[in-house]
Amino acid sequence: MGLGRTVDVLDESMHPTRIIWRLAWPTVLEQFLIMIVQYVDTAMVGSLGKNATAAIALSSSFTWLMGGIFSGISLGFGVPVGRYIGAGKPDQAKAVVQQSVLAILIFGALATLIMQFLSPHLPVWLGAEEAIRADASAYISIISAVYLFSLSINVCSNILRCAGDTRTPLVFNIATNVINVVLNTLLIFPTRTVEVLGLRFTMWGAGWGVSGAAVATAIATAFSGVMLLTALFRPTFPVSIRLKDKFRFDKAIFKDMVRLGSPVTFERVTISLGQVALTAMVTALGTSELAAHSLATTAESITYMPAFGFSAAATTLVAQSLGAERPALAKRFSRYCTLGAVAFMTAMGAVLFFGGEFLVSLFTPDLEVAALGGAVLRIEALAQPFFALSMVICGIMRGARQTKITFVIAAVGMWVVRIPLAFLLLRTTDLGLTCAWIAMASDLFTRGMIALFYYRKGTWLKSTGTGVAA
């Protein structure tokens, strides 16, 4: 299966585990390589000191927020494409793809304008120390300048995955992150003498620090956004579109995108706003705590990769199976995806428990920050199996067009459990950063149990057919 080839998820000659693996492994590998590059990126910035790390940590909350909005838009187009392909209606799928291109242009430009206006004010509103405000504002401004391309990555990758092509997003995201690392090396640091294998030479550098990291990310993002968009026009894509097609606004398709995607957007925004609120609480503890919180979050995120791959596979498999009106197959796929994700994330939880401090130490020379980050990761490690449940089951529900329940799960976990508990513990104990991570683990446990309860009810299996206007 080469670049651009899709997996026939309805092929009865293949065992479900083989189909799941062929869909999931490129996504898992993609996320793993992205995370490795993010680790390198974080380590490069971390070498500048904890102020630089804290500046990007402050910015990341709003990056998550916009990413949540983009996820809702991308799902609102991706799932209908998968359902139409499963139902054997390629023309309707192509119409959805055409409308997604218009959405990228409209919403990407709008998001950039909003964040350009807000970027000077956000660090102040979050109560950041004066020393990191300028870098944080610059980082947000530069990253948001390419939001059109960021949205293109989200939408096009989701459409390709829901159509059964998980390799194309893998290839272009690998290329993007290689570009990012190379540009980081040149833009973050000043001109300096480098020694490799005993050879010493002078390497040019712009010396832009945090802004250099942002510029490198922006250029790499623009590359990936363009390349993934062109993938929708390739003849090998089963529902490819052409430049000479009539890209007229279709009210019905946009309305369905909003109906399907808005709960996902609200879900992600709910989580992201909670992360912003939690970041504000952690910021009040001091720069060391904020840096440790950010680096521990980065280290923890490596454990998401297997569950993310299984969740993405579950969305595609359930969407196409229910689109083909085969609920028994959808249930079978969902069971294998859930078991696989829980097994993988339990193993990753063990890595966090025993090796958390080592992982954090890779990003910072500050021993205090590394020790604090490792301590909170041991708390989070215990919640990993429950996080796997919530991630995969929410992926299943998205494929079944049951996106409202994913919003409810997120809202309850974040705003009924995480934020109130963190606030209470920070006010009534002297545990510091540990309070925030106890609250985070409690949130993930709650989400996993609610998701499991809804999954076992089985009402999502009744959502057969395309679910949208023919």
Protein backbone atom coordinates (compact mmCIF):
# COMPACT_ATOMS: atom_id res chain seq x y z
CA MET A 1 0.00 0.00 0.00
CA GLY A 2 1.85 3.11 -1.25
CA LEU A 3 1.31 6.81 -0.76
CA GLY A 4 -2.32 7.77 -1.35
CA ARG A 5 -3.61 4.18 -1.25
CA THR A 6 -6.71 3.61 0.86
CA VAL A 7 -7.72 0.64 3.00
CA ASP A 8 -11.00 -1.11 2.12
CA VAL A 9 -12.43 -1.36 5.63
CA LEU A 10 -15.41 -3.40 4.42
CA ASP A 11 -13.22 -6.15 2.93
CA GLU A 12 -14.52 -9.34 4.58
CA SER A 13 -11.43 -11.32 3.52
CA MET A 14 -9.30 -9.48 6.10
CA HIS A 15 -9.52 -10.00 9.85
CA PRO A 16 -10.65 -6.86 11.74
CA THR A 17 -7.36 -6.64 13.65
CA ARG A 18 -5.43 -6.49 10.37
CA ILE A 19 -7.64 -3.70 9.04
CA ILE A 20 -7.37 -1.79 12.32
CA TRP A 21 -3.61 -2.11 12.34
CA ARG A 22 -3.27 -0.98 8.72
CA LEU A 23 -5.28 2.11 9.59
CA ALA A 24 -3.80 2.75 13.01
CA TRP A 25 -0.06 2.22 12.63
CA PRO A 26 0.58 5.15 10.25
CA THR A 27 -1.32 7.45 12.60
CA VAL A 28 0.53 6.13 15.66
CA LEU A 29 3.88 6.46 13.86
CA GLU A 30 2.92 9.93 12.64
CA GLN A 31 2.09 11.06 16.17
CA PHE A 32 5.22 9.41 17.55
CA LEU A 33 7.51 11.18 15.08
CA ILE A 34 5.71 14.47 15.64
CA MET A 35 6.18 14.01 19.37
CA ILE A 36 9.87 13.22 18.99
CA VAL A 37 10.31 16.41 17.01
CA GLN A 38 8.31 18.33 19.62
CA TYR A 39 10.63 16.89 22.25
CA VAL A 40 13.63 18.14 20.28
CA ASP A 41 11.87 21.47 19.79
CA THR A 42 11.11 21.77 23.49
CA ALA A 43 14.66 20.77 24.43
CA MET A 44 16.09 23.41 22.08
CA VAL A 45 13.93 26.14 23.60
CA GLY A 46 14.50 24.72 27.10
CA SER A 47 18.25 25.19 26.67
CA LEU A 48 17.56 28.95 26.59
CA GLY A 49 16.26 28.80 30.17
CA LYS A 50 13.02 28.38 32.06
CA ASN A 51 11.68 31.80 30.98
CA ALA A 52 11.70 30.71 27.34
CA THR A 53 10.00 27.43 28.26
CA ALA A 54 7.38 29.27 30.30
CA ALA A 55 6.69 31.72 27.44
CA ILE A 56 5.82 28.88 25.07
CA ALA A 57 3.91 27.06 27.82
CA LEU A 58 1.71 30.13 28.23
CA SER A 59 1.12 30.23 24.48
CA SER A 60 0.27 26.53 24.22
CA SER A 61 -3.06 26.96 25.98
CA PHE A 62 -4.35 29.10 23.13
CA THR A 63 -2.79 26.83 20.53
CA TRP A 64 -4.88 24.01 22.07
CA LEU A 65 -7.95 26.26 21.98
CA MET A 66 -7.67 27.01 18.27
CA GLY A 67 -6.76 23.38 17.59
CA GLY A 68 -10.02 22.40 19.24
CA ILE A 69 -12.02 24.64 16.94
CA PHE A 70 -10.16 23.28 13.92
CA SER A 71 -10.84 19.70 15.07
CA GLY A 72 -14.59 20.34 15.06
CA ILE A 73 -14.48 21.72 11.53
CA SER A 74 -12.31 18.85 10.28
CA LEU A 75 -14.54 16.19 11.84
CA GLY A 76 -17.63 17.88 10.43
CA PHE A 77 -16.30 17.22 6.94
CA GLY A 78 -14.32 14.00 7.50
CA VAL A 79 -17.05 11.80 9.00
CA PRO A 80 -19.63 12.52 6.22
CA VAL A 81 -16.95 11.62 3.65
CA GLY A 82 -16.42 8.28 5.42
CA ARG A 83 -20.16 7.61 5.70
CA TYR A 84 -20.75 8.38 2.01
CA ILE A 85 -17.85 6.14 0.95
CA GLY A 86 -19.27 3.32 3.09
CA ALA A 87 -22.69 3.86 1.53
CA GLY A 88 -21.23 3.76 -2.00
CA LYS A 89 -22.01 7.42 -2.82
CA PRO A 90 -18.73 8.93 -4.14
CA ASP A 91 -20.36 11.98 -5.77
CA GLN A 92 -21.83 13.12 -2.46
CA ALA A 93 -18.44 12.55 -0.80
CA LYS A 94 -16.75 14.73 -3.43
CA ALA A 95 -19.25 17.50 -2.79
CA VAL A 96 -18.30 17.47 0.89
CA VAL A 97 -14.59 17.62 0.01
CA GLN A 98 -15.21 20.66 -2.22
CA GLN A 99 -16.98 22.48 0.59
CA SER A 100 -14.12 21.68 2.96
CA VAL A 101 -11.75 23.69 0.75
CA LEU A 102 -14.02 26.74 1.06
CA ALA A 103 -14.16 26.25 4.82
CA ILE A 104 -10.35 26.19 5.08
CA LEU A 105 -10.11 29.56 3.33
CA ILE A 106 -12.92 31.22 5.30
CA PHE A 107 -12.30 29.95 8.83
CA GLY A 108 -8.50 29.92 8.53
CA ALA A 109 -8.38 33.62 7.61
CA LEU A 110 -10.90 34.52 10.33
CA ALA A 111 -8.92 32.69 13.03
CA THR A 112 -5.73 34.49 12.03
CA LEU A 113 -7.36 37.92 12.23
CA ILE A 114 -8.79 37.23 15.70
CA MET A 115 -5.54 35.91 17.18
CA GLN A 116 -3.45 38.71 15.67
CA PHE A 117 -5.66 41.16 17.51
CA LEU A 118 -5.52 39.24 20.81
CA SER A 119 -1.85 38.21 20.89
CA PRO A 120 -0.50 41.35 22.65
CA HIS A 121 -3.08 41.02 25.44
CA LEU A 122 -3.24 37.28 26.21
CA PRO A 123 -0.09 36.97 28.40
CA VAL A 124 -1.24 39.95 30.48
CA TRP A 125 -4.72 38.49 30.97
CA LEU A 126 -3.18 35.22 32.18
CA GLY A 127 -1.05 37.06 34.74
CA ALA A 128 2.32 36.10 33.26
CA GLU A 129 5.46 37.58 34.78
CA GLU A 130 6.81 40.63 32.95
CA ALA A 131 9.95 38.75 31.89
CA ILE A 132 8.07 36.34 29.61
CA ARG A 133 5.26 38.50 28.20
CA ALA A 134 7.07 39.77 25.11
CA ASP A 135 8.22 36.30 24.02
CA ALA A 136 4.78 34.80 24.66
CA SER A 137 3.04 37.51 22.61
CA ALA A 138 5.50 37.15 19.74
CA TYR A 139 5.11 33.37 19.69
CA ILE A 140 1.30 33.57 19.54
CA SER A 141 1.40 36.21 16.80
CA ILE A 142 3.77 34.25 14.56
CA ILE A 143 2.03 30.89 15.01
CA SER A 144 -1.42 32.36 14.36
CA ALA A 145 -0.23 33.99 11.12
CA VAL A 146 -0.39 30.55 9.45
CA TYR A 147 -3.68 29.34 10.91
CA LEU A 148 -5.09 28.88 7.40
CA PHE A 149 -2.45 26.20 6.82
CA SER A 150 -3.00 24.73 10.29
CA LEU A 151 -6.68 24.31 9.47
CA SER A 152 -5.74 22.76 6.13
CA ILE A 153 -3.64 20.16 7.96
CA ASN A 154 -6.53 19.32 10.29
CA VAL A 155 -9.27 19.15 7.65
CA CYS A 156 -7.32 17.39 4.90
CA SER A 157 -5.74 14.85 7.26
CA ASN A 158 -9.13 13.96 8.72
CA ILE A 159 -10.75 13.58 5.31
CA LEU A 160 -7.91 11.37 4.10
CA ARG A 161 -8.09 9.21 7.23
CA CYS A 162 -11.87 8.82 7.07
CA ALA A 163 -11.47 7.75 3.45
CA GLY A 164 -9.03 5.04 4.59
CA ASP A 165 -5.75 6.77 3.68
CA THR A 166 -3.61 7.20 6.79
CA ARG A 167 -0.24 7.11 5.02
CA THR A 168 -0.42 10.43 3.20
CA PRO A 169 -0.81 12.46 6.42
CA LEU A 170 2.07 10.41 7.86
CA VAL A 171 4.46 11.21 5.00
CA PHE A 172 3.80 14.94 4.89
CA ASN A 173 3.82 15.38 8.65
CA ILE A 174 7.20 13.63 8.84
CA ALA A 175 8.55 16.03 6.20
CA THR A 176 7.08 18.98 8.08
CA ASN A 177 8.76 18.07 11.33
CA VAL A 178 12.12 17.45 9.70
CA ILE A 179 11.86 20.98 8.23
CA ASN A 180 10.92 22.28 11.68
CA VAL A 181 13.98 20.77 13.37
CA VAL A 182 16.37 22.05 10.70
CA LEU A 183 14.94 25.56 10.86
CA ASN A 184 14.97 25.48 14.67
CA THR A 185 18.69 24.80 14.57
CA LEU A 186 19.25 27.78 12.31
CA LEU A 187 16.78 30.28 13.76
CA ILE A 188 16.74 29.73 17.55
CA PHE A 189 20.49 29.89 18.21
CA PRO A 190 23.12 32.48 17.20
CA THR A 191 26.09 31.72 14.97
CA ARG A 192 28.30 29.31 16.90
CA THR A 193 31.06 26.71 16.68
CA VAL A 194 29.73 23.15 16.44
CA GLU A 195 31.66 19.91 16.86
CA VAL A 196 30.40 16.71 15.15
CA LEU A 197 32.45 13.50 15.14
CA GLY A 198 35.57 15.42 16.04
CA LEU A 199 35.09 18.00 13.27
CA ARG A 200 34.65 21.64 14.29
CA PHE A 201 32.90 24.16 12.07
CA THR A 202 31.01 27.42 12.33
CA MET A 203 27.23 27.16 11.94
CA TRP A 204 25.27 30.25 11.06
CA GLY A 205 22.36 31.12 13.30
CA ALA A 206 19.80 33.92 13.47
CA GLY A 207 19.70 33.92 17.28
CA TRP A 208 15.98 34.71 17.44
CA GLY A 209 15.26 32.53 20.48
CA VAL A 210 11.56 31.88 21.11
CA SER A 211 10.58 33.84 17.99
CA GLY A 212 12.92 31.64 15.95
CA ALA A 213 11.08 28.52 17.17
CA ALA A 214 7.79 30.12 16.16
CA VAL A 215 9.03 31.06 12.67
CA ALA A 216 10.37 27.54 12.11
CA THR A 217 7.02 26.03 13.13
CA ALA A 218 5.12 28.49 10.92
CA ILE A 219 7.16 27.67 7.80
CA ALA A 220 6.86 23.93 8.39
CA THR A 221 3.11 24.25 9.00
CA ALA A 222 2.62 26.17 5.74
CA PHE A 223 4.46 23.43 3.84
CA SER A 224 2.33 20.65 5.28
CA GLY A 225 -0.91 22.58 4.82
CA VAL A 226 -0.25 23.09 1.12
CA MET A 227 0.90 19.52 0.46
CA LEU A 228 -2.06 17.88 2.25
CA LEU A 229 -4.48 20.12 0.38
CA THR A 230 -2.99 19.03 -2.94
CA ALA A 231 -3.52 15.40 -1.86
CA LEU A 232 -7.28 15.93 -2.20
CA PHE A 233 -6.74 16.74 -5.89
CA ARG A 234 -4.66 13.65 -6.71
CA PRO A 235 -6.36 11.17 -9.08
CA THR A 236 -5.39 8.30 -6.75
CA PHE A 237 -7.64 9.71 -4.01
CA PRO A 238 -10.98 7.82 -4.34
CA VAL A 239 -13.10 11.00 -4.09
CA SER A 240 -10.62 13.44 -5.62
CA ILE A 241 -11.66 16.93 -6.67
CA ARG A 242 -10.38 19.18 -9.48
CA LEU A 243 -9.51 22.85 -9.77
CA LYS A 244 -12.08 23.28 -12.53
CA ASP A 245 -14.87 22.03 -10.24
CA LYS A 246 -17.50 24.59 -9.21
CA PHE A 247 -16.70 25.52 -5.63
CA ARG A 248 -20.06 27.03 -4.80
CA PHE A 249 -21.24 27.42 -1.24
CA ASP A 250 -23.57 24.55 -0.28
CA LYS A 251 -25.77 25.51 2.64
CA ALA A 252 -26.89 21.94 3.39
CA ILE A 253 -23.33 20.59 3.64
CA PHE A 254 -22.17 23.48 5.82
CA LYS A 255 -25.24 23.09 8.01
CA ASP A 256 -24.46 19.40 8.51
CA MET A 257 -20.82 20.25 9.23
CA VAL A 258 -21.95 22.66 11.95
CA ARG A 259 -24.44 20.14 13.37
CA LEU A 260 -21.83 17.38 13.49
CA GLY A 261 -18.73 19.43 14.22
CA SER A 262 -20.01 22.02 16.70
CA PRO A 263 -20.28 19.56 19.63
CA VAL A 264 -16.69 18.51 18.89
CA THR A 265 -15.63 22.16 18.77
CA PHE A 266 -17.43 22.83 22.05
CA GLU A 267 -15.79 19.71 23.48
CA ARG A 268 -12.30 20.81 22.50
CA VAL A 269 -12.94 24.43 23.46
CA THR A 270 -14.31 23.26 26.81
CA ILE A 271 -11.14 21.25 27.41
CA SER A 272 -8.90 24.04 26.13
CA LEU A 273 -10.57 26.71 28.26
CA GLY A 274 -10.13 24.42 31.22
CA GLN A 275 -6.45 24.06 30.33
CA VAL A 276 -6.19 27.85 30.10
CA ALA A 277 -7.80 28.14 33.55
CA LEU A 278 -5.49 25.49 34.97
CA THR A 279 -2.47 27.17 33.35
CA ALA A 280 -3.49 30.43 35.03
CA MET A 281 -3.61 28.64 38.41
CA VAL A 282 -0.20 27.06 37.80
CA THR A 283 1.25 30.38 36.59
CA ALA A 284 0.38 31.88 39.97
CA LEU A 285 2.64 29.24 41.62
CA GLY A 286 5.73 30.63 39.88
CA THR A 287 7.89 30.24 36.77
CA SER A 288 9.51 26.97 37.91
CA GLU A 289 6.11 25.35 38.47
CA LEU A 290 4.84 26.59 35.10
CA ALA A 291 7.92 25.23 33.32
CA ALA A 292 7.60 21.85 35.12
CA HIS A 293 3.90 21.70 34.30
CA SER A 294 4.56 22.39 30.62
CA LEU A 295 7.41 19.89 30.31
CA ALA A 296 5.52 17.18 32.20
CA THR A 297 2.56 17.72 29.87
CA THR A 298 4.90 17.34 26.89
CA ALA A 299 6.36 14.14 28.34
CA GLU A 300 2.90 12.78 29.13
CA SER A 301 1.63 13.44 25.63
CA ILE A 302 3.77 10.62 24.24
CA THR A 303 1.35 8.20 25.91
CA TYR A 304 -1.54 9.55 23.84
CA MET A 305 -0.12 8.31 20.57
CA PRO A 306 -1.34 4.69 20.59
CA ALA A 307 -4.82 5.74 21.75
CA PHE A 308 -4.91 8.53 19.16
CA GLY A 309 -4.15 6.01 16.42
CA PHE A 310 -6.82 3.59 17.61
CA SER A 311 -9.30 6.45 18.05
CA ALA A 312 -8.72 7.72 14.51
CA ALA A 313 -9.05 4.18 13.16
CA ALA A 314 -12.26 3.67 15.15
CA THR A 315 -13.80 6.82 13.68
CA THR A 316 -13.08 5.66 10.14
CA LEU A 317 -14.19 2.07 10.74
CA VAL A 318 -17.41 2.95 12.52
CA ALA A 319 -18.29 5.70 10.03
CA GLN A 320 -17.89 3.43 7.01
CA SER A 321 -19.46 0.37 8.67
CA LEU A 322 -22.57 2.26 9.80
CA GLY A 323 -22.69 4.07 6.46
CA ALA A 324 -22.89 0.62 4.86
CA GLU A 325 -25.60 -0.31 7.42
CA ARG A 326 -23.50 -3.00 9.08
CA PRO A 327 -23.76 -2.30 12.84
CA ALA A 328 -22.44 -5.74 13.85
CA LEU A 329 -19.19 -5.01 12.01
CA ALA A 330 -19.01 -1.55 13.63
CA LYS A 331 -19.36 -3.14 17.08
CA ARG A 332 -16.68 -5.71 16.31
CA PHE A 333 -14.24 -3.05 15.12
CA SER A 334 -14.96 -0.86 18.15
CA ARG A 335 -14.27 -3.69 20.59
CA TYR A 336 -10.86 -4.46 19.09
CA CYS A 337 -9.92 -0.76 18.98
CA THR A 338 -10.85 -0.25 22.63
CA LEU A 339 -8.94 -3.28 23.90
CA GLY A 340 -5.86 -2.35 21.88
CA ALA A 341 -5.81 1.24 23.11
CA VAL A 342 -6.21 0.30 26.78
CA ALA A 343 -3.40 -2.27 26.55
CA PHE A 344 -0.99 0.15 24.90
CA MET A 345 -1.72 3.08 27.22
CA THR A 346 -1.43 0.93 30.33
CA ALA A 347 2.08 0.05 29.21
CA MET A 348 2.84 3.71 28.51
CA GLY A 349 1.56 4.59 31.98
CA ALA A 350 4.26 2.32 33.42
CA VAL A 351 6.85 4.27 31.42
CA LEU A 352 5.60 7.52 32.93
CA PHE A 353 5.55 6.11 36.46
CA PHE A 354 9.10 4.79 36.44
CA GLY A 355 10.76 7.12 33.92
CA GLY A 356 8.91 10.41 34.18
CA GLU A 357 11.74 12.41 35.74
CA PHE A 358 14.17 11.16 33.09
CA LEU A 359 11.81 12.24 30.29
CA VAL A 360 11.42 15.73 31.75
CA SER A 361 15.18 16.04 32.28
CA LEU A 362 15.67 15.65 28.52
CA PHE A 363 14.10 19.08 28.03
CA THR A 364 15.73 21.14 30.75
CA PRO A 365 19.01 21.33 32.67
CA ASP A 366 17.10 22.65 35.72
CA LEU A 367 17.12 19.79 38.27
CA GLU A 368 14.31 21.35 40.32
CA VAL A 369 12.02 21.51 37.29
CA ALA A 370 12.88 17.93 36.27
CA ALA A 371 12.21 16.53 39.75
CA LEU A 372 8.90 18.36 40.05
CA GLY A 373 7.79 17.23 36.58
CA GLY A 374 8.68 13.60 37.32
CA ALA A 375 6.74 13.64 40.58
CA VAL A 376 3.49 14.80 38.97
CA LEU A 377 3.85 12.32 36.10
CA ARG A 378 3.68 9.44 38.58
CA ILE A 379 0.20 10.65 39.53
CA GLU A 380 -0.94 10.90 35.92
CA ALA A 381 0.40 7.45 35.06
CA LEU A 382 -2.35 5.79 37.13
CA ALA A 383 -5.08 7.35 34.99
CA GLN A 384 -3.77 6.25 31.58
CA PRO A 385 -6.09 3.21 31.08
CA PHE A 386 -9.14 5.40 31.74
CA PHE A 387 -7.85 8.06 29.38
CA ALA A 388 -7.54 5.34 26.71
CA LEU A 389 -11.18 4.42 27.24
CA SER A 390 -12.39 7.99 26.81
CA MET A 391 -10.22 8.68 23.75
CA VAL A 392 -11.19 5.59 21.77
CA ILE A 393 -14.86 5.55 22.75
CA CYS A 394 -15.15 9.21 21.79
CA GLY A 395 -13.60 8.28 18.43
CA ILE A 396 -16.24 5.57 18.08
CA MET A 397 -19.01 8.05 18.89
CA ARG A 398 -17.73 10.53 16.31
CA GLY A 399 -17.84 7.86 13.61
CA ALA A 400 -21.43 7.14 14.71
CA ARG A 401 -22.25 10.89 14.53
CA GLN A 402 -22.94 10.87 18.28
CA THR A 403 -20.81 13.92 18.95
CA LYS A 404 -22.98 15.49 21.66
CA ILE A 405 -22.02 12.81 24.18
CA THR A 406 -18.31 13.53 23.61
CA PHE A 407 -18.99 17.14 24.57
CA VAL A 408 -20.84 16.06 27.73
CA ILE A 409 -17.97 13.76 28.73
CA ALA A 410 -15.42 16.54 28.26
CA ALA A 411 -17.50 19.17 30.06
CA VAL A 412 -18.16 16.98 33.10
CA GLY A 413 -14.55 15.85 33.39
CA MET A 414 -13.03 19.31 33.00
CA TRP A 415 -15.50 21.67 34.67
CA VAL A 416 -17.18 19.43 37.26
CA VAL A 417 -14.05 17.54 38.31
CA ARG A 418 -10.70 19.00 37.19
CA ILE A 419 -11.05 22.76 37.64
CA PRO A 420 -13.09 22.76 40.91
CA LEU A 421 -10.87 20.10 42.47
CA ALA A 422 -7.66 21.89 41.45
CA PHE A 423 -8.98 25.17 42.83
CA LEU A 424 -10.04 23.53 46.08
CA LEU A 425 -6.75 21.69 46.62
CA LEU A 426 -4.63 24.73 45.78
CA ARG A 427 -6.58 26.80 48.30
CA THR A 428 -6.70 24.26 51.12
CA THR A 429 -3.35 22.42 50.87
CA ASP A 430 0.31 23.28 50.36
CA LEU A 431 0.92 20.58 47.74
CA GLY A 432 1.52 23.12 44.98
CA LEU A 433 1.72 21.70 41.44
CA THR A 434 0.73 18.25 42.71
CA CYS A 435 -2.81 19.60 43.29
CA ALA A 436 -3.26 20.34 39.59
CA TRP A 437 -2.16 16.86 38.57
CA ILE A 438 -4.33 15.08 41.13
CA ALA A 439 -7.24 16.99 39.60
CA MET A 440 -6.15 16.03 36.07
CA ALA A 441 -5.96 12.33 36.94
CA SER A 442 -9.41 12.48 38.59
CA ASP A 443 -10.80 14.10 35.44
CA LEU A 444 -9.41 11.35 33.18
CA PHE A 445 -10.81 8.63 35.43
CA THR A 446 -14.26 10.25 35.32
CA ARG A 447 -14.22 10.64 31.55
CA GLY A 448 -13.23 7.02 31.02
CA MET A 449 -16.02 5.67 33.21
CA ILE A 450 -18.73 7.86 31.63
CA ALA A 451 -17.54 6.89 28.13
CA LEU A 452 -17.58 3.17 29.00
CA PHE A 453 -21.10 3.44 30.39
CA TYR A 454 -22.43 5.10 27.21
CA TYR A 455 -20.58 2.68 24.94
CA ARG A 456 -22.09 -0.33 26.70
CA LYS A 457 -25.61 1.08 26.26
CA GLY A 458 -25.21 0.45 22.51
CA THR A 459 -27.57 3.18 21.31
CA TRP A 460 -24.84 4.52 19.01
CA LEU A 461 -25.19 1.40 16.84
CA LYS A 462 -28.59 2.58 15.63
CA SER A 463 -27.04 5.46 13.69
CA THR A 464 -26.81 3.62 10.35
CA GLY A 465 -26.77 5.05 6.82
CA THR A 466 -25.07 8.31 5.83
CA GLY A 467 -26.92 10.34 8.45
CA VAL A 468 -26.97 13.32 6.08
CA ALA A 469 -29.07 14.46 3.17
CA ALA A 470 -28.62 12.39 0.06
